[in-house]
Amino acid sequence: MPTHEWATASDGYGSPRRPYRKAQLILGVALLICLAVVVVRQMTGAPGTKNYKTSVDCQVNTVGSQGTVTINGTITGDSTSYSVTVDVLDVASQQRIGGQTFEVRGTNTFSGTTPAEAPIGASGIDCKITKVA
């Protein structure tokens, strides 16, 4: 008869298994796979990933409470075609007052005129590129 008895209530052999370890292992492997996919896509330049640099400038012309905005911009990068969306915002309210999408193919410049949908405030306008595809 042993002098010390080591036992637990659910003793099969050894300590009871912790169920969350399996879930942690599965989650860890899934995260590593996702990270590997992202790294490979970045390294190979997979379709859908475009490197580019943009700039945009806008000028407003108002007559009374109506106005038009002239948009001029450039885009340079590793692709020959882009779809560039530019939003025109009122500086004071940050409300969208106009915008346009440009299909840029075989060149690095885009330009156009769009109507301003609301009276333009005294603070002026701001143009932002909101999407490049």
C-alpha atoms as a PDB file:
ATOM      1  CA  MET A   1       0.000   0.000   0.000  1.00  0.00           C
ATOM      2  CA  PRO A   2       1.475   3.354  -1.050  1.00  0.00           C
ATOM      3  CA  THR A   3       2.173   5.934   1.591  1.00  0.00           C
ATOM      4  CA  HIS A   4       0.917   8.764  -0.584  1.00  0.00           C
ATOM      5  CA  GLU A   5      -1.964   8.540  -2.960  1.00  0.00           C
ATOM      6  CA  TRP A   6      -2.212  11.005  -5.849  1.00  0.00           C
ATOM      7  CA  ALA A   7      -5.644  11.060  -7.308  1.00  0.00           C
ATOM      8  CA  THR A   8      -8.176  13.418  -8.778  1.00  0.00           C
ATOM      9  CA  ALA A   9     -11.889  12.987  -9.102  1.00  0.00           C
ATOM     10  CA  SER A  10     -11.766  12.383 -12.866  1.00  0.00           C
ATOM     11  CA  ASP A  11      -8.516  10.474 -12.954  1.00  0.00           C
ATOM     12  CA  GLY A  12      -8.203   8.376 -16.076  1.00  0.00           C
ATOM     13  CA  TYR A  13      -4.469   8.794 -16.407  1.00  0.00           C
ATOM     14  CA  GLY A  14      -2.927  12.188 -15.717  1.00  0.00           C
ATOM     15  CA  SER A  15      -4.626  15.537 -15.257  1.00  0.00           C
ATOM     16  CA  PRO A  16      -7.845  16.427 -17.079  1.00  0.00           C
ATOM     17  CA  ARG A  17      -7.448  18.022 -20.524  1.00  0.00           C
ATOM     18  CA  ARG A  18      -8.252  21.650 -20.927  1.00  0.00           C
ATOM     19  CA  PRO A  19     -10.697  22.062 -23.836  1.00  0.00           C
ATOM     20  CA  TYR A  20      -9.612  25.598 -24.749  1.00  0.00           C
ATOM     21  CA  ARG A  21      -6.087  24.541 -25.749  1.00  0.00           C
ATOM     22  CA  LYS A  22      -7.390  22.914 -28.907  1.00  0.00           C
ATOM     23  CA  ALA A  23      -9.341  26.046 -29.812  1.00  0.00           C
ATOM     24  CA  GLN A  24      -6.259  28.205 -29.204  1.00  0.00           C
ATOM     25  CA  LEU A  25      -4.193  25.971 -31.459  1.00  0.00           C
ATOM     26  CA  ILE A  26      -6.763  26.120 -34.272  1.00  0.00           C
ATOM     27  CA  LEU A  27      -7.034  29.908 -33.954  1.00  0.00           C
ATOM     28  CA  GLY A  28      -3.244  30.301 -33.992  1.00  0.00           C
ATOM     29  CA  VAL A  29      -2.859  28.174 -37.123  1.00  0.00           C
ATOM     30  CA  ALA A  30      -5.677  30.081 -38.876  1.00  0.00           C
ATOM     31  CA  LEU A  31      -4.036  33.425 -38.079  1.00  0.00           C
ATOM     32  CA  LEU A  32      -0.681  32.218 -39.396  1.00  0.00           C
ATOM     33  CA  ILE A  33      -2.296  31.053 -42.649  1.00  0.00           C
ATOM     34  CA  CYS A  34      -4.033  34.429 -43.101  1.00  0.00           C
ATOM     35  CA  LEU A  35      -0.799  36.281 -42.453  1.00  0.00           C
ATOM     36  CA  ALA A  36       1.052  34.090 -44.948  1.00  0.00           C
ATOM     37  CA  VAL A  37      -1.579  34.770 -47.644  1.00  0.00           C
ATOM     38  CA  VAL A  38      -1.293  38.541 -47.114  1.00  0.00           C
ATOM     39  CA  VAL A  39       2.510  38.443 -47.267  1.00  0.00           C
ATOM     40  CA  VAL A  40       2.522  36.354 -50.453  1.00  0.00           C
ATOM     41  CA  ARG A  41      -0.010  38.683 -52.141  1.00  0.00           C
ATOM     42  CA  GLN A  42       2.088  41.726 -51.264  1.00  0.00           C
ATOM     43  CA  MET A  43       5.318  40.135 -52.472  1.00  0.00           C
ATOM     44  CA  THR A  44       3.912  38.888 -55.776  1.00  0.00           C
ATOM     45  CA  GLY A  45       1.861  41.966 -56.593  1.00  0.00           C
ATOM     46  CA  ALA A  46      -1.290  39.917 -56.968  1.00  0.00           C
ATOM     47  CA  PRO A  47      -4.200  41.376 -58.956  1.00  0.00           C
ATOM     48  CA  GLY A  48      -6.158  43.906 -56.964  1.00  0.00           C
ATOM     49  CA  THR A  49      -3.132  45.420 -55.276  1.00  0.00           C
ATOM     50  CA  LYS A  50      -1.978  48.601 -56.979  1.00  0.00           C
ATOM     51  CA  ASN A  51       0.755  50.904 -55.773  1.00  0.00           C
ATOM     52  CA  TYR A  52       0.111  54.506 -56.700  1.00  0.00           C
ATOM     53  CA  LYS A  53       0.634  58.152 -55.746  1.00  0.00           C
ATOM     54  CA  THR A  54      -2.061  60.773 -56.304  1.00  0.00           C
ATOM     55  CA  SER A  55      -2.636  64.483 -56.087  1.00  0.00           C
ATOM     56  CA  VAL A  56      -5.740  66.525 -56.793  1.00  0.00           C
ATOM     57  CA  ASP A  57      -6.557  70.225 -57.052  1.00  0.00           C
ATOM     58  CA  CYS A  58      -9.952  71.901 -57.340  1.00  0.00           C
ATOM     59  CA  GLN A  59     -11.164  75.354 -58.235  1.00  0.00           C
ATOM     60  CA  VAL A  60     -14.684  76.621 -57.756  1.00  0.00           C
ATOM     61  CA  ASN A  61     -16.544  79.076 -59.967  1.00  0.00           C
ATOM     62  CA  THR A  62     -19.780  80.457 -58.517  1.00  0.00           C
ATOM     63  CA  VAL A  63     -22.542  82.527 -60.029  1.00  0.00           C
ATOM     64  CA  GLY A  64     -25.059  83.451 -57.359  1.00  0.00           C
ATOM     65  CA  SER A  65     -25.878  80.349 -55.349  1.00  0.00           C
ATOM     66  CA  GLN A  66     -24.882  77.916 -58.117  1.00  0.00           C
ATOM     67  CA  GLY A  67     -21.363  76.774 -58.854  1.00  0.00           C
ATOM     68  CA  THR A  68     -19.152  74.440 -60.776  1.00  0.00           C
ATOM     69  CA  VAL A  69     -15.947  72.801 -59.636  1.00  0.00           C
ATOM     70  CA  THR A  70     -13.024  72.106 -61.938  1.00  0.00           C
ATOM     71  CA  ILE A  71     -11.006  69.082 -60.840  1.00  0.00           C
ATOM     72  CA  ASN A  72      -7.438  68.422 -61.983  1.00  0.00           C
ATOM     73  CA  GLY A  73      -5.323  65.556 -60.731  1.00  0.00           C
ATOM     74  CA  THR A  74      -2.493  63.165 -61.370  1.00  0.00           C
ATOM     75  CA  ILE A  75      -1.922  59.526 -60.541  1.00  0.00           C
ATOM     76  CA  THR A  76       1.291  57.580 -61.008  1.00  0.00           C
ATOM     77  CA  GLY A  77       1.961  53.983 -60.184  1.00  0.00           C
ATOM     78  CA  ASP A  78       2.533  50.468 -61.379  1.00  0.00           C
ATOM     79  CA  SER A  79      -0.687  50.130 -63.383  1.00  0.00           C
ATOM     80  CA  THR A  80      -1.786  51.521 -66.757  1.00  0.00           C
ATOM     81  CA  SER A  81      -5.406  52.079 -65.714  1.00  0.00           C
ATOM     82  CA  TYR A  82      -7.179  53.399 -62.642  1.00  0.00           C
ATOM     83  CA  SER A  83     -10.653  54.420 -61.591  1.00  0.00           C
ATOM     84  CA  VAL A  84     -10.322  57.502 -59.360  1.00  0.00           C
ATOM     85  CA  THR A  85     -13.255  58.927 -57.370  1.00  0.00           C
ATOM     86  CA  VAL A  86     -12.947  62.517 -56.150  1.00  0.00           C
ATOM     87  CA  ASP A  87     -15.378  64.091 -53.657  1.00  0.00           C
ATOM     88  CA  VAL A  88     -15.799  67.862 -53.333  1.00  0.00           C
ATOM     89  CA  LEU A  89     -16.540  69.009 -49.775  1.00  0.00           C
ATOM     90  CA  ASP A  90     -17.592  72.316 -48.273  1.00  0.00           C
ATOM     91  CA  VAL A  91     -14.763  73.194 -45.869  1.00  0.00           C
ATOM     92  CA  ALA A  92     -16.967  74.644 -43.117  1.00  0.00           C
ATOM     93  CA  SER A  93     -19.606  71.890 -42.938  1.00  0.00           C
ATOM     94  CA  GLN A  94     -17.567  68.990 -44.445  1.00  0.00           C
ATOM     95  CA  GLN A  95     -20.714  68.253 -46.450  1.00  0.00           C
ATOM     96  CA  ARG A  96     -20.293  66.653 -49.883  1.00  0.00           C
ATOM     97  CA  ILE A  97     -21.320  69.170 -52.535  1.00  0.00           C
ATOM     98  CA  GLY A  98     -20.070  67.372 -55.643  1.00  0.00           C
ATOM     99  CA  GLY A  99     -17.875  64.667 -57.008  1.00  0.00           C
ATOM    100  CA  GLN A 100     -16.836  62.700 -60.026  1.00  0.00           C
ATOM    101  CA  THR A 101     -15.262  59.361 -60.974  1.00  0.00           C
ATOM    102  CA  PHE A 102     -12.521  59.383 -63.593  1.00  0.00           C
ATOM    103  CA  GLU A 103     -11.392  56.431 -65.698  1.00  0.00           C
ATOM    104  CA  VAL A 104      -7.657  57.001 -66.173  1.00  0.00           C
ATOM    105  CA  ARG A 105      -6.150  54.844 -68.936  1.00  0.00           C
ATOM    106  CA  GLY A 106      -2.809  55.232 -70.684  1.00  0.00           C
ATOM    107  CA  THR A 107      -2.046  58.571 -69.022  1.00  0.00           C
ATOM    108  CA  ASN A 108      -1.372  59.862 -65.525  1.00  0.00           C
ATOM    109  CA  THR A 109      -3.642  62.926 -65.530  1.00  0.00           C
ATOM    110  CA  PHE A 110      -7.371  63.402 -65.114  1.00  0.00           C
ATOM    111  CA  SER A 111      -9.607  66.463 -65.176  1.00  0.00           C
ATOM    112  CA  GLY A 112     -13.229  67.443 -65.386  1.00  0.00           C
ATOM    113  CA  THR A 113     -15.966  69.808 -64.252  1.00  0.00           C
ATOM    114  CA  THR A 114     -18.805  68.914 -61.912  1.00  0.00           C
ATOM    115  CA  PRO A 115     -21.700  71.014 -60.633  1.00  0.00           C
ATOM    116  CA  ALA A 116     -21.770  71.997 -56.976  1.00  0.00           C
ATOM    117  CA  GLU A 117     -24.984  70.639 -55.443  1.00  0.00           C
ATOM    118  CA  ALA A 118     -25.329  73.206 -52.654  1.00  0.00           C
ATOM    119  CA  PRO A 119     -24.354  76.807 -52.066  1.00  0.00           C
ATOM    120  CA  ILE A 120     -20.641  77.018 -51.378  1.00  0.00           C
ATOM    121  CA  GLY A 121     -19.679  78.497 -48.016  1.00  0.00           C
ATOM    122  CA  ALA A 122     -17.276  81.374 -47.493  1.00  0.00           C
ATOM    123  CA  SER A 123     -14.573  78.975 -46.290  1.00  0.00           C
ATOM    124  CA  GLY A 124     -14.322  77.410 -49.746  1.00  0.00           C
ATOM    125  CA  ILE A 125     -14.030  73.815 -50.889  1.00  0.00           C
ATOM    126  CA  ASP A 126     -11.812  70.826 -50.340  1.00  0.00           C
ATOM    127  CA  CYS A 127     -11.241  67.941 -52.756  1.00  0.00           C
ATOM    128  CA  LYS A 128     -10.418  64.448 -51.570  1.00  0.00           C
ATOM    129  CA  ILE A 129      -9.696  61.277 -53.471  1.00  0.00           C
ATOM    130  CA  THR A 130     -12.041  58.788 -51.822  1.00  0.00           C
ATOM    131  CA  LYS A 131     -11.452  55.674 -53.929  1.00  0.00           C
ATOM    132  CA  VAL A 132      -8.855  54.299 -56.315  1.00  0.00           C
ATOM    133  CA  ALA A 133      -9.461  51.004 -58.055  1.00  0.00           C
END
